[in-house]
PDB file of N, CA and C in Angstrom:
ATOM      1  N   MET A   1       6.527   7.000  10.204  1.00  0.00           N
ATOM      2  CA  MET A   1       7.307   7.399   9.038  1.00  0.00           C
ATOM      3  C   MET A   1       6.418   8.130   8.044  1.00  0.00           C
ATOM      4  N   ILE A   2       5.202   7.662   7.870  1.00  0.00           N
ATOM      5  CA  ILE A   2       4.310   8.290   6.892  1.00  0.00           C
ATOM      6  C   ILE A   2       4.000   9.727   7.343  1.00  0.00           C
ATOM      7  N   SER A   3       3.793   9.938   8.631  1.00  0.00           N
ATOM      8  CA  SER A   3       3.472  11.292   9.086  1.00  0.00           C
ATOM      9  C   SER A   3       4.654  12.218   8.844  1.00  0.00           C
ATOM     10  N   GLN A   4       5.888  11.705   8.910  1.00  0.00           N
ATOM     11  CA  GLN A   4       7.028  12.536   8.644  1.00  0.00           C
ATOM     12  C   GLN A   4       7.062  12.944   7.180  1.00  0.00           C
ATOM     13  N   VAL A   5       6.698  12.073   6.303  1.00  0.00           N
ATOM     14  CA  VAL A   5       6.689  12.389   4.880  1.00  0.00           C
ATOM     15  C   VAL A   5       5.571  13.369   4.577  1.00  0.00           C
ATOM     16  N   ILE A   6       4.419  13.171   5.156  1.00  0.00           N
ATOM     17  CA  ILE A   6       3.280  14.038   4.885  1.00  0.00           C
ATOM     18  C   ILE A   6       3.570  15.454   5.397  1.00  0.00           C
ATOM     19  N   PHE A   7       4.138  15.579   6.584  1.00  0.00           N
ATOM     20  CA  PHE A   7       4.384  16.890   7.156  1.00  0.00           C
ATOM     21  C   PHE A   7       5.780  17.413   6.865  1.00  0.00           C
ATOM     22  N   LEU A   8       6.486  16.765   5.967  1.00  0.00           N
ATOM     23  CA  LEU A   8       7.801  17.219   5.551  1.00  0.00           C
ATOM     24  C   LEU A   8       8.760  17.414   6.737  1.00  0.00           C
ATOM     25  N   PHE A   9       8.746  16.451   7.626  1.00  0.00           N
ATOM     26  CA  PHE A   9       9.662  16.432   8.766  1.00  0.00           C
ATOM     27  C   PHE A   9       9.429  17.594   9.723  1.00  0.00           C
ATOM     28  N   ILE A  10       8.198  18.024   9.890  1.00  0.00           N
ATOM     29  CA  ILE A  10       7.854  19.078  10.852  1.00  0.00           C
ATOM     30  C   ILE A  10       7.582  18.396  12.180  1.00  0.00           C
ATOM     31  N   SER A  11       8.169  18.913  13.275  1.00  0.00           N
ATOM     32  CA  SER A  11       7.987  18.318  14.580  1.00  0.00           C
ATOM     33  C   SER A  11       6.624  18.715  15.158  1.00  0.00           C
ATOM     34  N   GLY A  12       6.262  18.061  16.231  1.00  0.00           N
ATOM     35  CA  GLY A  12       4.981  18.327  16.887  1.00  0.00           C
ATOM     36  C   GLY A  12       4.888  19.753  17.416  1.00  0.00           C
ATOM     37  N   ALA A  13       5.987  20.276  17.965  1.00  0.00           N
ATOM     38  CA  ALA A  13       5.977  21.633  18.488  1.00  0.00           C
ATOM     39  C   ALA A  13       5.771  22.639  17.365  1.00  0.00           C
ATOM     40  N   GLU A  14       6.331  22.403  16.203  1.00  0.00           N
ATOM     41  CA  GLU A  14       6.151  23.301  15.068  1.00  0.00           C
ATOM     42  C   GLU A  14       4.714  23.286  14.579  1.00  0.00           C
ATOM     43  N   ILE A  15       4.104  22.110  14.575  1.00  0.00           N
ATOM     44  CA  ILE A  15       2.716  21.985  14.151  1.00  0.00           C
ATOM     45  C   ILE A  15       1.813  22.760  15.124  1.00  0.00           C
ATOM     46  N   VAL A  16       2.068  22.623  16.414  1.00  0.00           N
ATOM     47  CA  VAL A  16       1.270  23.345  17.416  1.00  0.00           C
ATOM     48  C   VAL A  16       1.446  24.859  17.217  1.00  0.00           C
ATOM     49  N   PHE A  17       2.657  25.303  16.947  1.00  0.00           N
ATOM     50  CA  PHE A  17       2.905  26.725  16.736  1.00  0.00           C
ATOM     51  C   PHE A  17       2.147  27.226  15.505  1.00  0.00           C
ATOM     52  N   ILE A  18       2.158  26.455  14.426  1.00  0.00           N
ATOM     53  CA  ILE A  18       1.435  26.832  13.202  1.00  0.00           C
ATOM     54  C   ILE A  18      -0.072  26.906  13.476  1.00  0.00           C
ATOM     55  N   LEU A  19      -0.594  25.932  14.200  1.00  0.00           N
ATOM     56  CA  LEU A  19      -2.025  25.946  14.535  1.00  0.00           C
ATOM     57  C   LEU A  19      -2.358  27.153  15.428  1.00  0.00           C
ATOM     58  N   PHE A  20      -1.475  27.517  16.329  1.00  0.00           N
ATOM     59  CA  PHE A  20      -1.685  28.683  17.166  1.00  0.00           C
ATOM     60  C   PHE A  20      -1.763  29.945  16.317  1.00  0.00           C
ATOM     61  N   ILE A  21      -0.852  30.092  15.363  1.00  0.00           N
ATOM     62  CA  ILE A  21      -0.859  31.263  14.477  1.00  0.00           C
ATOM     63  C   ILE A  21      -2.143  31.304  13.656  1.00  0.00           C
ATOM     64  N   VAL A  22      -2.566  30.160  13.130  1.00  0.00           N
ATOM     65  CA  VAL A  22      -3.797  30.075  12.347  1.00  0.00           C
ATOM     66  C   VAL A  22      -4.976  30.514  13.220  1.00  0.00           C
ATOM     67  N   LEU A  23      -4.989  30.063  14.464  1.00  0.00           N
ATOM     68  CA  LEU A  23      -6.073  30.433  15.387  1.00  0.00           C
ATOM     69  C   LEU A  23      -6.065  31.925  15.648  1.00  0.00           C
ATOM     70  N   LEU A  24      -4.893  32.510  15.790  1.00  0.00           N
ATOM     71  CA  LEU A  24      -4.816  33.952  16.016  1.00  0.00           C
ATOM     72  C   LEU A  24      -5.264  34.755  14.797  1.00  0.00           C
ATOM     73  N   VAL A  25      -4.876  34.298  13.618  1.00  0.00           N
ATOM     74  CA  VAL A  25      -5.164  35.050  12.401  1.00  0.00           C
ATOM     75  C   VAL A  25      -6.653  34.956  12.027  1.00  0.00           C
ATOM     76  N   PHE A  26      -7.194  33.755  12.058  1.00  0.00           N
ATOM     77  CA  PHE A  26      -8.556  33.547  11.582  1.00  0.00           C
ATOM     78  C   PHE A  26      -9.627  33.536  12.673  1.00  0.00           C
ATOM     79  N   GLY A  27      -9.239  33.272  13.891  1.00  0.00           N
ATOM     80  CA  GLY A  27     -10.206  33.211  14.980  1.00  0.00           C
ATOM     81  C   GLY A  27     -10.806  31.836  15.120  1.00  0.00           C
ATOM     82  N   ALA A  28     -11.349  31.598  16.303  1.00  0.00           N
ATOM     83  CA  ALA A  28     -11.877  30.265  16.620  1.00  0.00           C
ATOM     84  C   ALA A  28     -13.124  29.923  15.784  1.00  0.00           C
ATOM     85  N   ASP A  29     -13.858  30.926  15.357  1.00  0.00           N
ATOM     86  CA  ASP A  29     -15.080  30.665  14.603  1.00  0.00           C
ATOM     87  C   ASP A  29     -14.802  30.200  13.171  1.00  0.00           C
ATOM     88  N   LYS A  30     -13.739  30.681  12.577  1.00  0.00           N
ATOM     89  CA  LYS A  30     -13.428  30.372  11.184  1.00  0.00           C
ATOM     90  C   LYS A  30     -12.624  29.105  10.973  1.00  0.00           C
ATOM     91  N   VAL A  31     -11.922  28.634  12.011  1.00  0.00           N
ATOM     92  CA  VAL A  31     -11.042  27.468  11.848  1.00  0.00           C
ATOM     93  C   VAL A  31     -11.808  26.211  11.419  1.00  0.00           C
ATOM     94  N   PRO A  32     -12.957  25.908  12.027  1.00  0.00           N
ATOM     95  CA  PRO A  32     -13.705  24.717  11.539  1.00  0.00           C
ATOM     96  C   PRO A  32     -14.145  24.833  10.064  1.00  0.00           C
ATOM     97  N   GLU A  33     -14.535  26.037   9.661  1.00  0.00           N
ATOM     98  CA  GLU A  33     -14.931  26.247   8.267  1.00  0.00           C
ATOM     99  C   GLU A  33     -13.757  26.057   7.332  1.00  0.00           C
ATOM    100  N   ILE A  34     -12.608  26.554   7.718  1.00  0.00           N
ATOM    101  CA  ILE A  34     -11.415  26.398   6.900  1.00  0.00           C
ATOM    102  C   ILE A  34     -11.039  24.933   6.812  1.00  0.00           C
ATOM    103  N   ALA A  35     -11.069  24.212   7.949  1.00  0.00           N
ATOM    104  CA  ALA A  35     -10.741  22.800   7.931  1.00  0.00           C
ATOM    105  C   ALA A  35     -11.727  22.008   7.067  1.00  0.00           C
ATOM    106  N   ARG A  36     -13.010  22.343   7.162  1.00  0.00           N
ATOM    107  CA  ARG A  36     -13.998  21.658   6.352  1.00  0.00           C
ATOM    108  C   ARG A  36     -13.770  21.897   4.874  1.00  0.00           C
ATOM    109  N   GLY A  37     -13.450  23.134   4.532  1.00  0.00           N
ATOM    110  CA  GLY A  37     -13.178  23.476   3.127  1.00  0.00           C
ATOM    111  C   GLY A  37     -11.930  22.763   2.611  1.00  0.00           C
ATOM    112  N   LEU A  38     -10.883  22.702   3.438  1.00  0.00           N
ATOM    113  CA  LEU A  38      -9.671  21.975   3.045  1.00  0.00           C
ATOM    114  C   LEU A  38      -9.965  20.488   2.868  1.00  0.00           C
ATOM    115  N   GLY A  39     -10.775  19.939   3.760  1.00  0.00           N
ATOM    116  CA  GLY A  39     -11.122  18.517   3.655  1.00  0.00           C
ATOM    117  C   GLY A  39     -11.888  18.219   2.367  1.00  0.00           C
ATOM    118  N   LYS A  40     -12.846  19.078   2.048  1.00  0.00           N
ATOM    119  CA  LYS A  40     -13.604  18.889   0.810  1.00  0.00           C
ATOM    120  C   LYS A  40     -12.714  19.011  -0.409  1.00  0.00           C
ATOM    121  N   GLY A  41     -11.806  19.970  -0.378  1.00  0.00           N
ATOM    122  CA  GLY A  41     -10.885  20.173  -1.505  1.00  0.00           C
ATOM    123  C   GLY A  41      -9.963  18.975  -1.676  1.00  0.00           C
ATOM    124  N   MET A  42      -9.413  18.468  -0.562  1.00  0.00           N
ATOM    125  CA  MET A  42      -8.555  17.294  -0.627  1.00  0.00           C
ATOM    126  C   MET A  42      -9.322  16.077  -1.147  1.00  0.00           C
ATOM    127  N   ARG A  43     -10.592  15.940  -0.734  1.00  0.00           N
ATOM    128  CA  ARG A  43     -11.405  14.819  -1.199  1.00  0.00           C
ATOM    129  C   ARG A  43     -11.650  14.922  -2.706  1.00  0.00           C
ATOM    130  N   GLN A  44     -11.914  16.098  -3.199  1.00  0.00           N
ATOM    131  CA  GLN A  44     -12.126  16.283  -4.633  1.00  0.00           C
ATOM    132  C   GLN A  44     -10.856  15.982  -5.426  1.00  0.00           C
ATOM    133  N   ILE A  45      -9.731  16.385  -4.903  1.00  0.00           N
ATOM    134  CA  ILE A  45      -8.460  16.066  -5.576  1.00  0.00           C
ATOM    135  C   ILE A  45      -8.219  14.571  -5.596  1.00  0.00           C
ATOM    136  N   LYS A  46      -8.500  13.903  -4.485  1.00  0.00           N
ATOM    137  CA  LYS A  46      -8.319  12.457  -4.407  1.00  0.00           C
ATOM    138  C   LYS A  46      -9.240  11.738  -5.397  1.00  0.00           C
ATOM    139  N   ASP A  47     -10.504  12.177  -5.433  1.00  0.00           N
ATOM    140  CA  ASP A  47     -11.471  11.576  -6.369  1.00  0.00           C
ATOM    141  C   ASP A  47     -11.044  11.782  -7.818  1.00  0.00           C
ATOM    142  N   ALA A  48     -10.567  13.002  -8.142  1.00  0.00           N
ATOM    143  CA  ALA A  48     -10.116  13.280  -9.495  1.00  0.00           C
ATOM    144  C   ALA A  48      -8.912  12.445  -9.868  1.00  0.00           C
ATOM    145  N   THR A  49      -8.011  12.268  -8.919  1.00  0.00           N
ATOM    146  CA  THR A  49      -6.826  11.432  -9.167  1.00  0.00           C
ATOM    147  C   THR A  49      -7.227   9.983  -9.417  1.00  0.00           C
ATOM    148  N   ASN A  50      -8.144   9.478  -8.602  1.00  0.00           N
ATOM    149  CA  ASN A  50      -8.615   8.100  -8.807  1.00  0.00           C
ATOM    150  C   ASN A  50      -9.325   7.937 -10.151  1.00  0.00           C
ATOM    151  N   ASP A  51     -10.096   8.953 -10.557  1.00  0.00           N
ATOM    152  CA  ASP A  51     -10.771   8.906 -11.854  1.00  0.00           C
ATOM    153  C   ASP A  51      -9.742   8.868 -12.989  1.00  0.00           C
ATOM    154  N   ILE A  52      -8.712   9.680 -12.888  1.00  0.00           N
ATOM    155  CA  ILE A  52      -7.669   9.706 -13.917  1.00  0.00           C
ATOM    156  C   ILE A  52      -6.948   8.369 -13.985  1.00  0.00           C
ATOM    157  N   LYS A  53      -6.646   7.798 -12.818  1.00  0.00           N
ATOM    158  CA  LYS A  53      -5.966   6.505 -12.768  1.00  0.00           C
ATOM    159  C   LYS A  53      -6.829   5.426 -13.429  1.00  0.00           C
ATOM    160  N   SER A  54      -8.119   5.430 -13.099  1.00  0.00           N
ATOM    161  CA  SER A  54      -9.000   4.401 -13.665  1.00  0.00           C
ATOM    162  C   SER A  54      -9.145   4.564 -15.179  1.00  0.00           C
ATOM    163  N   GLU A  55      -9.192   5.798 -15.657  1.00  0.00           N
ATOM    164  CA  GLU A  55      -9.284   6.021 -17.097  1.00  0.00           C
ATOM    165  C   GLU A  55      -8.027   5.572 -17.821  1.00  0.00           C
ATOM    166  N   ILE A  56      -6.875   5.844 -17.225  1.00  0.00           N
ATOM    167  CA  ILE A  56      -5.615   5.402 -17.822  1.00  0.00           C
ATOM    168  C   ILE A  56      -5.552   3.878 -17.844  1.00  0.00           C
ATOM    169  N   THR A  57      -5.967   3.251 -16.737  1.00  0.00           N
ATOM    170  CA  THR A  57      -5.971   1.789 -16.660  1.00  0.00           C
ATOM    171  C   THR A  57      -6.895   1.198 -17.697  1.00  0.00           C
ATOM    172  N   LYS A  58      -8.099   1.741 -17.821  1.00  0.00           N
ATOM    173  CA  LYS A  58      -9.076   1.243 -18.810  1.00  0.00           C
ATOM    174  C   LYS A  58      -8.548   1.392 -20.220  1.00  0.00           C
ATOM    175  N   SER A  59      -7.941   2.542 -20.504  1.00  0.00           N
ATOM    176  CA  SER A  59      -7.405   2.795 -21.833  1.00  0.00           C
ATOM    177  C   SER A  59      -6.240   1.842 -22.135  1.00  0.00           C
ATOM    178  N   ALA A  60      -5.396   1.608 -21.168  1.00  0.00           N
ATOM    179  CA  ALA A  60      -4.248   0.715 -21.372  1.00  0.00           C
ATOM    180  C   ALA A  60      -4.712  -0.726 -21.551  1.00  0.00           C
ATOM    181  N   GLU A  61      -5.724  -1.117 -20.803  1.00  0.00           N
ATOM    182  CA  GLU A  61      -6.235  -2.484 -20.940  1.00  0.00           C
ATOM    183  C   GLU A  61      -6.862  -2.711 -22.323  1.00  0.00           C
ATOM    184  N   LYS A  62      -7.546  -1.688 -22.840  1.00  0.00           N
ATOM    185  CA  LYS A  62      -8.133  -1.788 -24.165  1.00  0.00           C
ATOM    186  C   LYS A  62      -7.090  -1.981 -25.238  1.00  0.00           C
ATOM    187  N   GLN A  63      -5.908  -1.359 -25.015  1.00  0.00           N
ATOM    188  CA  GLN A  63      -4.830  -1.469 -25.996  1.00  0.00           C
ATOM    189  C   GLN A  63      -3.950  -2.677 -25.746  1.00  0.00           C
ATOM    190  N   GLY A  64      -4.252  -3.444 -24.697  1.00  0.00           N
ATOM    191  CA  GLY A  64      -3.485  -4.648 -24.415  1.00  0.00           C
ATOM    192  C   GLY A  64      -2.167  -4.396 -23.691  1.00  0.00           C
ATOM    193  N   ILE A  65      -2.035  -3.264 -23.049  1.00  0.00           N
ATOM    194  CA  ILE A  65      -0.809  -2.941 -22.329  1.00  0.00           C
ATOM    195  C   ILE A  65      -0.917  -3.479 -20.907  1.00  0.00           C
ATOM    196  N   ASP A  66       0.169  -4.071 -20.420  1.00  0.00           N
ATOM    197  CA  ASP A  66       0.185  -4.601 -19.054  1.00  0.00           C
ATOM    198  C   ASP A  66       0.289  -3.440 -18.075  1.00  0.00           C
ATOM    199  N   VAL A  67      -0.767  -3.224 -17.318  1.00  0.00           N
ATOM    200  CA  VAL A  67      -0.774  -2.093 -16.376  1.00  0.00           C
ATOM    201  C   VAL A  67      -0.358  -2.492 -14.969  1.00  0.00           C
ATOM    202  N   ASP A  68      -0.149  -3.776 -14.735  1.00  0.00           N
ATOM    203  CA  ASP A  68       0.193  -4.242 -13.407  1.00  0.00           C
ATOM    204  C   ASP A  68       1.697  -4.379 -13.263  1.00  0.00           C
ATOM    205  N   ILE A  69       2.408  -3.343 -13.575  1.00  0.00           N
ATOM    206  CA  ILE A  69       3.871  -3.359 -13.497  1.00  0.00           C
ATOM    207  C   ILE A  69       4.324  -3.352 -12.034  1.00  0.00           C
ATOM    208  N   THR A  70       3.450  -2.947 -11.136  1.00  0.00           N
ATOM    209  CA  THR A  70       3.830  -2.904  -9.727  1.00  0.00           C
ATOM    210  C   THR A  70       4.174  -4.279  -9.178  1.00  0.00           C
ATOM    211  N   LYS A  71       3.546  -5.304  -9.697  1.00  0.00           N
ATOM    212  CA  LYS A  71       3.889  -6.655  -9.240  1.00  0.00           C
ATOM    213  C   LYS A  71       5.338  -6.998  -9.574  1.00  0.00           C
ATOM    214  N   ASP A  72       5.751  -6.618 -10.778  1.00  0.00           N
ATOM    215  CA  ASP A  72       7.136  -6.906 -11.157  1.00  0.00           C
ATOM    216  C   ASP A  72       8.123  -6.104 -10.300  1.00  0.00           C
ATOM    217  N   VAL A  73       7.790  -4.853 -10.048  1.00  0.00           N
ATOM    218  CA  VAL A  73       8.667  -4.004  -9.236  1.00  0.00           C
ATOM    219  C   VAL A  73       8.705  -4.546  -7.820  1.00  0.00           C
ATOM    220  N   ARG A  74       7.569  -4.910  -7.261  1.00  0.00           N
ATOM    221  CA  ARG A  74       7.517  -5.449  -5.901  1.00  0.00           C
ATOM    222  C   ARG A  74       8.324  -6.746  -5.818  1.00  0.00           C
ATOM    223  N   LYS A  75       8.236  -7.562  -6.834  1.00  0.00           N
ATOM    224  CA  LYS A  75       8.982  -8.826  -6.866  1.00  0.00           C
ATOM    225  C   LYS A  75      10.490  -8.544  -6.837  1.00  0.00           C
ATOM    226  N   GLU A  76      10.936  -7.590  -7.612  1.00  0.00           N
ATOM    227  CA  GLU A  76      12.363  -7.218  -7.634  1.00  0.00           C
ATOM    228  C   GLU A  76      12.817  -6.658  -6.287  1.00  0.00           C
ATOM    229  N   ILE A  77      11.994  -5.817  -5.689  1.00  0.00           N
ATOM    230  CA  ILE A  77      12.330  -5.249  -4.383  1.00  0.00           C
ATOM    231  C   ILE A  77      12.437  -6.346  -3.330  1.00  0.00           C
ATOM    232  N   ASP A  78      11.497  -7.272  -3.352  1.00  0.00           N
ATOM    233  CA  ASP A  78      11.544  -8.367  -2.394  1.00  0.00           C
ATOM    234  C   ASP A  78      12.792  -9.238  -2.599  1.00  0.00           C
ATOM    235  N   GLN A  79      13.188  -9.413  -3.846  1.00  0.00           N
ATOM    236  CA  GLN A  79      14.396 -10.209  -4.133  1.00  0.00           C
ATOM    237  C   GLN A  79      15.628  -9.507  -3.570  1.00  0.00           C
ATOM    238  N   VAL A  80      15.718  -8.194  -3.772  1.00  0.00           N
ATOM    239  CA  VAL A  80      16.834  -7.430  -3.239  1.00  0.00           C
ATOM    240  C   VAL A  80      16.857  -7.470  -1.717  1.00  0.00           C
ATOM    241  N   LYS A  81      15.686  -7.358  -1.100  1.00  0.00           N
ATOM    242  CA  LYS A  81      15.605  -7.445   0.369  1.00  0.00           C
ATOM    243  C   LYS A  81      16.112  -8.784   0.854  1.00  0.00           C
ATOM    244  N   ASP A  82      15.700  -9.863   0.187  1.00  0.00           N
ATOM    245  CA  ASP A  82      16.142 -11.198   0.556  1.00  0.00           C
ATOM    246  C   ASP A  82      17.656 -11.337   0.405  1.00  0.00           C
ATOM    247  N   ASP A  83      18.214 -10.786  -0.687  1.00  0.00           N
ATOM    248  CA  ASP A  83      19.657 -10.837  -0.886  1.00  0.00           C
ATOM    249  C   ASP A  83      20.403 -10.073   0.172  1.00  0.00           C
ATOM    250  N   VAL A  84      19.916  -8.913   0.544  1.00  0.00           N
ATOM    251  CA  VAL A  84      20.566  -8.119   1.606  1.00  0.00           C
ATOM    252  C   VAL A  84      20.468  -8.853   2.934  1.00  0.00           C
ATOM    253  N   GLU A  85      19.337  -9.411   3.213  1.00  0.00           N
ATOM    254  CA  GLU A  85      19.155 -10.148   4.485  1.00  0.00           C
ATOM    255  C   GLU A  85      20.078 -11.361   4.509  1.00  0.00           C
ATOM    256  N   GLU A  86      20.250 -12.015   3.400  1.00  0.00           N
ATOM    257  CA  GLU A  86      21.126 -13.181   3.322  1.00  0.00           C
ATOM    258  C   GLU A  86      22.576 -12.782   3.599  1.00  0.00           C
ATOM    259  N   ILE A  87      22.975 -11.615   3.111  1.00  0.00           N
ATOM    260  CA  ILE A  87      24.348 -11.153   3.312  1.00  0.00           C
ATOM    261  C   ILE A  87      24.549 -10.633   4.720  1.00  0.00           C
ATOM    262  N   THR A  88      23.586  -9.857   5.234  1.00  0.00           N
ATOM    263  CA  THR A  88      23.776  -9.223   6.537  1.00  0.00           C
ATOM    264  C   THR A  88      23.379 -10.132   7.705  1.00  0.00           C
ATOM    265  N   GLY A  89      22.697 -11.217   7.444  1.00  0.00           N
ATOM    266  CA  GLY A  89      22.287 -12.101   8.536  1.00  0.00           C
ATOM    267  C   GLY A  89      23.444 -12.579   9.375  1.00  0.00           C
ATOM    268  N   PRO A  90      24.501 -13.156   8.807  1.00  0.00           N
ATOM    269  CA  PRO A  90      25.635 -13.612   9.608  1.00  0.00           C
ATOM    270  C   PRO A  90      26.334 -12.456  10.320  1.00  0.00           C
ATOM    271  N   ILE A  91      26.376 -11.286   9.726  1.00  0.00           N
ATOM    272  CA  ILE A  91      27.021 -10.138  10.341  1.00  0.00           C
ATOM    273  C   ILE A  91      26.228  -9.708  11.557  1.00  0.00           C
ATOM    274  N   LYS A  92      24.906  -9.678  11.485  1.00  0.00           N
ATOM    275  CA  LYS A  92      24.078  -9.294  12.609  1.00  0.00           C
ATOM    276  C   LYS A  92      24.240 -10.288  13.745  1.00  0.00           C
ATOM    277  N   ARG A  93      24.356 -11.555  13.459  1.00  0.00           N
ATOM    278  CA  ARG A  93      24.484 -12.593  14.497  1.00  0.00           C
ATOM    279  C   ARG A  93      25.810 -12.449  15.278  1.00  0.00           C
ATOM    280  N   LYS A  94      26.857 -11.949  14.628  1.00  0.00           N
ATOM    281  CA  LYS A  94      28.142 -11.784  15.286  1.00  0.00           C
ATOM    282  C   LYS A  94      28.091 -10.689  16.319  1.00  0.00           C
ATOM    283  N   PHE A  95      27.310  -9.674  16.062  1.00  0.00           N
ATOM    284  CA  PHE A  95      27.247  -8.539  16.991  1.00  0.00           C
ATOM    285  C   PHE A  95      26.141  -8.753  17.939  1.00  0.00           C
TER     286      PHE A  95
END
């Protein structure tokens, strides 16, 4: 499921076709350099994002703001899942 989200629902054949076109356009010698550059760029973006998150968290903690809202959200989601399972459990058993 994660791969579908990352690739925006692109199938395997489409990915192979895109890679083939990239190979034709840039050549076999340049593809590793391009991939390495993309990897470095993605790593820098990830590091910058993590730095921003940590700065926001530190700032919020200094001001006394509860930054762990995800626990509350996760708790609510789990409660809804349990309620749905409780309702659909007997229906699933009948079929």
